[in-house]
Amino acid sequence: MNRKPIAFGEEFVQQQQQQQPQSTTKRMVSTLVNSEEIGIATLEQLEKQGDQLNRVNKKMDNIEENNEKSSKILKGMGKEKQTSQKIKGSQKLKYQKEPAKTNQKSAFDGIDHSKISDEKKKELDEIDEDLNQISNLLGNLKQIGLEQNSELERHSKMLDEIDTKVDKANYMIDQNNRKIRKML
């Protein structure tokens, strides 16, 4: 063996460089798992907010019904005409949490494994497993992001609907108040 002597510092640096890809992929997996947990928690919060918006929307329907009853009573009392339209409620979307499926080849498929030591093969296999896990986690994060986007779009539509109902309720209340003032 014709090896050149390595100083302790150089040996440490070489060892660190050899371990770096493996530790990097481990950190990436850990970070992505954490991101996935945060994404799922965010999606659950968005669903809770969606449920709250549904309740507000139903209460606006009740307010609209009460305004219509008041208007009919006032119409009967004051013989005035009043028209109203009913706005349909929105349908609730459900998300399905499904892990992303990937059929990707290994990052190391092109490497001639016969020239690599068993220890290196084991390290490369671990890195390959981590990269596959990273790929799956990224797919999951993408799916979570798409579901969050769908939920936010649903919230936006529901808020627009609620806003329309609030405007209509305010208008009807104003009209009923005018009728009452005329009667007094």
Protein backbone atom coordinates (compact mmCIF):
# COMPACT_ATOMS: atom_id res chain seq x y z
CA MET A 1 0.00 0.00 0.00
CA ASN A 2 1.36 3.27 -1.02
CA ARG A 3 -0.66 5.61 1.19
CA LYS A 4 0.43 8.99 2.17
CA PRO A 5 0.25 9.71 5.89
CA ILE A 6 -2.81 11.69 6.90
CA ALA A 7 -2.74 14.12 9.75
CA PHE A 8 -5.43 13.79 12.41
CA GLY A 9 -7.19 16.96 11.23
CA GLU A 10 -7.27 15.81 7.61
CA GLU A 11 -8.63 12.41 8.61
CA PHE A 12 -11.41 14.07 10.58
CA VAL A 13 -12.30 16.28 7.59
CA GLN A 14 -12.37 13.27 5.25
CA GLN A 15 -14.56 11.35 7.66
CA GLN A 16 -16.94 14.30 7.93
CA GLN A 17 -17.10 14.64 4.14
CA GLN A 18 -17.95 10.96 3.80
CA GLN A 19 -20.72 11.17 6.39
CA GLN A 20 -22.13 14.45 5.07
CA PRO A 21 -24.50 13.07 2.37
CA GLN A 22 -26.02 10.59 4.79
CA SER A 23 -26.50 13.13 7.58
CA THR A 24 -27.85 15.67 5.08
CA THR A 25 -30.53 13.29 3.84
CA LYS A 26 -31.43 12.37 7.43
CA ARG A 27 -31.89 16.08 8.26
CA MET A 28 -33.97 16.55 5.12
CA VAL A 29 -36.23 13.64 6.07
CA SER A 30 -36.64 15.04 9.57
CA THR A 31 -37.43 18.52 8.24
CA LEU A 32 -39.93 17.18 5.72
CA VAL A 33 -41.68 15.02 8.33
CA ASN A 34 -42.00 18.13 10.50
CA SER A 35 -43.31 20.12 7.52
CA GLU A 36 -45.83 17.39 6.77
CA GLU A 37 -47.09 17.46 10.36
CA ILE A 38 -47.46 21.24 10.20
CA GLY A 39 -49.25 20.98 6.85
CA ILE A 40 -51.71 18.43 8.19
CA ALA A 41 -52.36 20.53 11.31
CA THR A 42 -52.94 23.57 9.10
CA LEU A 43 -55.36 21.63 6.93
CA GLU A 44 -57.25 20.49 10.03
CA GLN A 45 -57.50 24.11 11.20
CA LEU A 46 -58.77 25.14 7.78
CA GLU A 47 -61.46 22.47 8.00
CA LYS A 48 -62.50 23.75 11.44
CA GLN A 49 -62.70 27.26 10.04
CA GLY A 50 -64.76 25.89 7.16
CA ASP A 51 -67.16 24.36 9.67
CA GLN A 52 -67.42 27.73 11.42
CA LEU A 53 -68.14 29.40 8.09
CA ASN A 54 -70.86 26.81 7.45
CA ARG A 55 -72.46 27.68 10.80
CA VAL A 56 -72.29 31.41 10.01
CA ASN A 57 -73.81 30.71 6.61
CA LYS A 58 -76.70 28.78 8.22
CA LYS A 59 -77.25 31.58 10.72
CA MET A 60 -77.41 34.01 7.83
CA ASP A 61 -80.09 31.78 6.29
CA ASN A 62 -82.01 31.99 9.61
CA ILE A 63 -81.63 35.77 9.63
CA GLU A 64 -82.90 35.85 6.08
CA GLU A 65 -85.93 33.73 7.04
CA ASN A 66 -86.65 35.99 10.03
CA ASN A 67 -86.37 39.07 7.84
CA GLU A 68 -88.76 37.52 5.36
CA LYS A 69 -91.27 36.74 8.11
CA SER A 70 -90.95 40.28 9.47
CA SER A 71 -91.43 41.69 6.03
CA LYS A 72 -94.58 39.61 5.48
CA ILE A 73 -95.97 40.69 8.82
CA LEU A 74 -95.22 44.32 8.04
CA LYS A 75 -96.65 43.89 4.56
CA GLY A 76 -99.85 42.56 6.05
CA MET A 77 -99.90 45.42 8.51
CA GLY A 78 -98.96 48.13 6.04
CA LYS A 79 -100.15 46.53 2.78
CA GLU A 80 -96.76 46.98 1.13
CA LYS A 81 -95.15 44.65 -1.37
CA GLN A 82 -91.84 43.03 -0.65
CA THR A 83 -89.92 40.49 -2.69
CA SER A 84 -87.04 38.34 -1.69
CA GLN A 85 -84.83 35.68 -3.14
CA LYS A 86 -83.32 32.74 -1.44
CA ILE A 87 -79.64 31.99 -1.89
CA LYS A 88 -78.57 28.38 -1.92
CA GLY A 89 -75.96 27.09 0.54
CA SER A 90 -72.66 25.71 -0.59
CA GLN A 91 -71.60 22.10 -0.57
CA LYS A 92 -68.88 21.04 1.82
CA LEU A 93 -65.75 19.55 0.30
CA LYS A 94 -63.89 16.79 2.05
CA TYR A 95 -60.23 16.15 1.60
CA GLN A 96 -58.77 12.73 1.57
CA LYS A 97 -55.36 12.24 3.05
CA GLU A 98 -53.57 9.83 0.77
CA PRO A 99 -49.85 9.37 0.64
CA ALA A 100 -48.31 10.24 -2.67
CA LYS A 101 -47.12 7.25 -4.66
CA THR A 102 -43.86 7.41 -6.54
CA ASN A 103 -42.30 4.92 -8.89
CA GLN A 104 -38.96 6.58 -9.17
CA LYS A 105 -35.69 4.81 -9.78
CA SER A 106 -32.92 4.92 -7.26
CA ALA A 107 -30.47 7.78 -7.48
CA PHE A 108 -27.74 5.16 -7.45
CA ASP A 109 -29.10 2.78 -10.12
CA GLY A 110 -26.31 3.71 -12.55
CA ILE A 111 -23.51 2.93 -10.09
CA ASP A 112 -21.51 -0.28 -10.48
CA HIS A 113 -21.97 -1.76 -7.01
CA SER A 114 -19.26 -4.42 -7.49
CA LYS A 115 -16.57 -1.76 -7.14
CA ILE A 116 -17.94 -0.43 -3.87
CA SER A 117 -17.17 -1.85 -0.44
CA ASP A 118 -19.92 -3.43 1.64
CA GLU A 119 -19.81 -0.53 4.08
CA LYS A 120 -20.18 1.99 1.26
CA LYS A 121 -23.01 -0.08 -0.22
CA LYS A 122 -24.80 0.03 3.11
CA GLU A 123 -24.33 3.81 3.32
CA LEU A 124 -25.54 4.26 -0.26
CA ASP A 125 -28.56 2.04 0.44
CA GLU A 126 -29.42 4.14 3.49
CA ILE A 127 -29.05 7.35 1.48
CA ASP A 128 -31.18 5.80 -1.28
CA GLU A 129 -33.89 4.90 1.25
CA ASP A 130 -33.76 8.44 2.63
CA LEU A 131 -34.06 9.90 -0.87
CA ASN A 132 -37.08 7.69 -1.57
CA GLN A 133 -38.61 8.82 1.71
CA ILE A 134 -37.86 12.45 0.79
CA SER A 135 -39.57 11.92 -2.56
CA ASN A 136 -42.65 10.45 -0.87
CA LEU A 137 -42.75 13.24 1.72
CA LEU A 138 -42.49 15.89 -0.99
CA GLY A 139 -45.39 14.21 -2.79
CA ASN A 140 -47.40 14.25 0.44
CA LEU A 141 -46.57 17.93 1.00
CA LYS A 142 -47.69 18.73 -2.53
CA GLN A 143 -50.99 16.92 -1.94
CA ILE A 144 -51.48 18.72 1.38
CA GLY A 145 -50.80 22.03 -0.35
CA LEU A 146 -53.35 21.25 -3.06
CA GLU A 147 -55.94 20.30 -0.44
CA GLN A 148 -55.22 23.49 1.50
CA ASN A 149 -55.69 25.48 -1.69
CA SER A 150 -59.04 23.77 -2.36
CA GLU A 151 -60.18 24.45 1.20
CA LEU A 152 -59.13 28.11 0.95
CA GLU A 153 -60.96 28.49 -2.35
CA ARG A 154 -64.06 26.99 -0.73
CA HIS A 155 -63.69 29.44 2.17
CA SER A 156 -63.39 32.33 -0.26
CA LYS A 157 -66.58 31.33 -2.08
CA MET A 158 -68.39 30.85 1.21
CA LEU A 159 -67.24 34.26 2.46
CA ASP A 160 -68.50 35.84 -0.76
CA GLU A 161 -71.85 34.10 -0.26
CA ILE A 162 -72.01 35.20 3.38
CA ASP A 163 -71.14 38.76 2.34
CA THR A 164 -73.99 38.73 -0.18
CA LYS A 165 -76.38 37.41 2.48
CA VAL A 166 -75.25 40.05 4.98
CA ASP A 167 -75.83 42.80 2.41
CA LYS A 168 -79.27 41.38 1.64
CA ALA A 169 -80.11 41.07 5.36
CA ASN A 170 -79.00 44.66 6.00
CA TYR A 171 -81.13 45.85 3.10
CA MET A 172 -84.17 43.93 4.34
CA ILE A 173 -83.71 45.20 7.90
CA ASP A 174 -83.44 48.75 6.58
CA GLN A 175 -86.61 48.28 4.53
CA ASN A 176 -88.48 46.81 7.50
CA ASN A 177 -87.33 49.69 9.71
CA ARG A 178 -88.66 52.18 7.14
CA LYS A 179 -92.01 50.38 7.07
CA ILE A 180 -92.19 50.48 10.87
CA ARG A 181 -91.40 54.22 10.93
CA LYS A 182 -94.12 54.89 8.37
CA MET A 183 -96.62 52.95 10.48
CA LEU A 184 -95.78 54.95 13.59
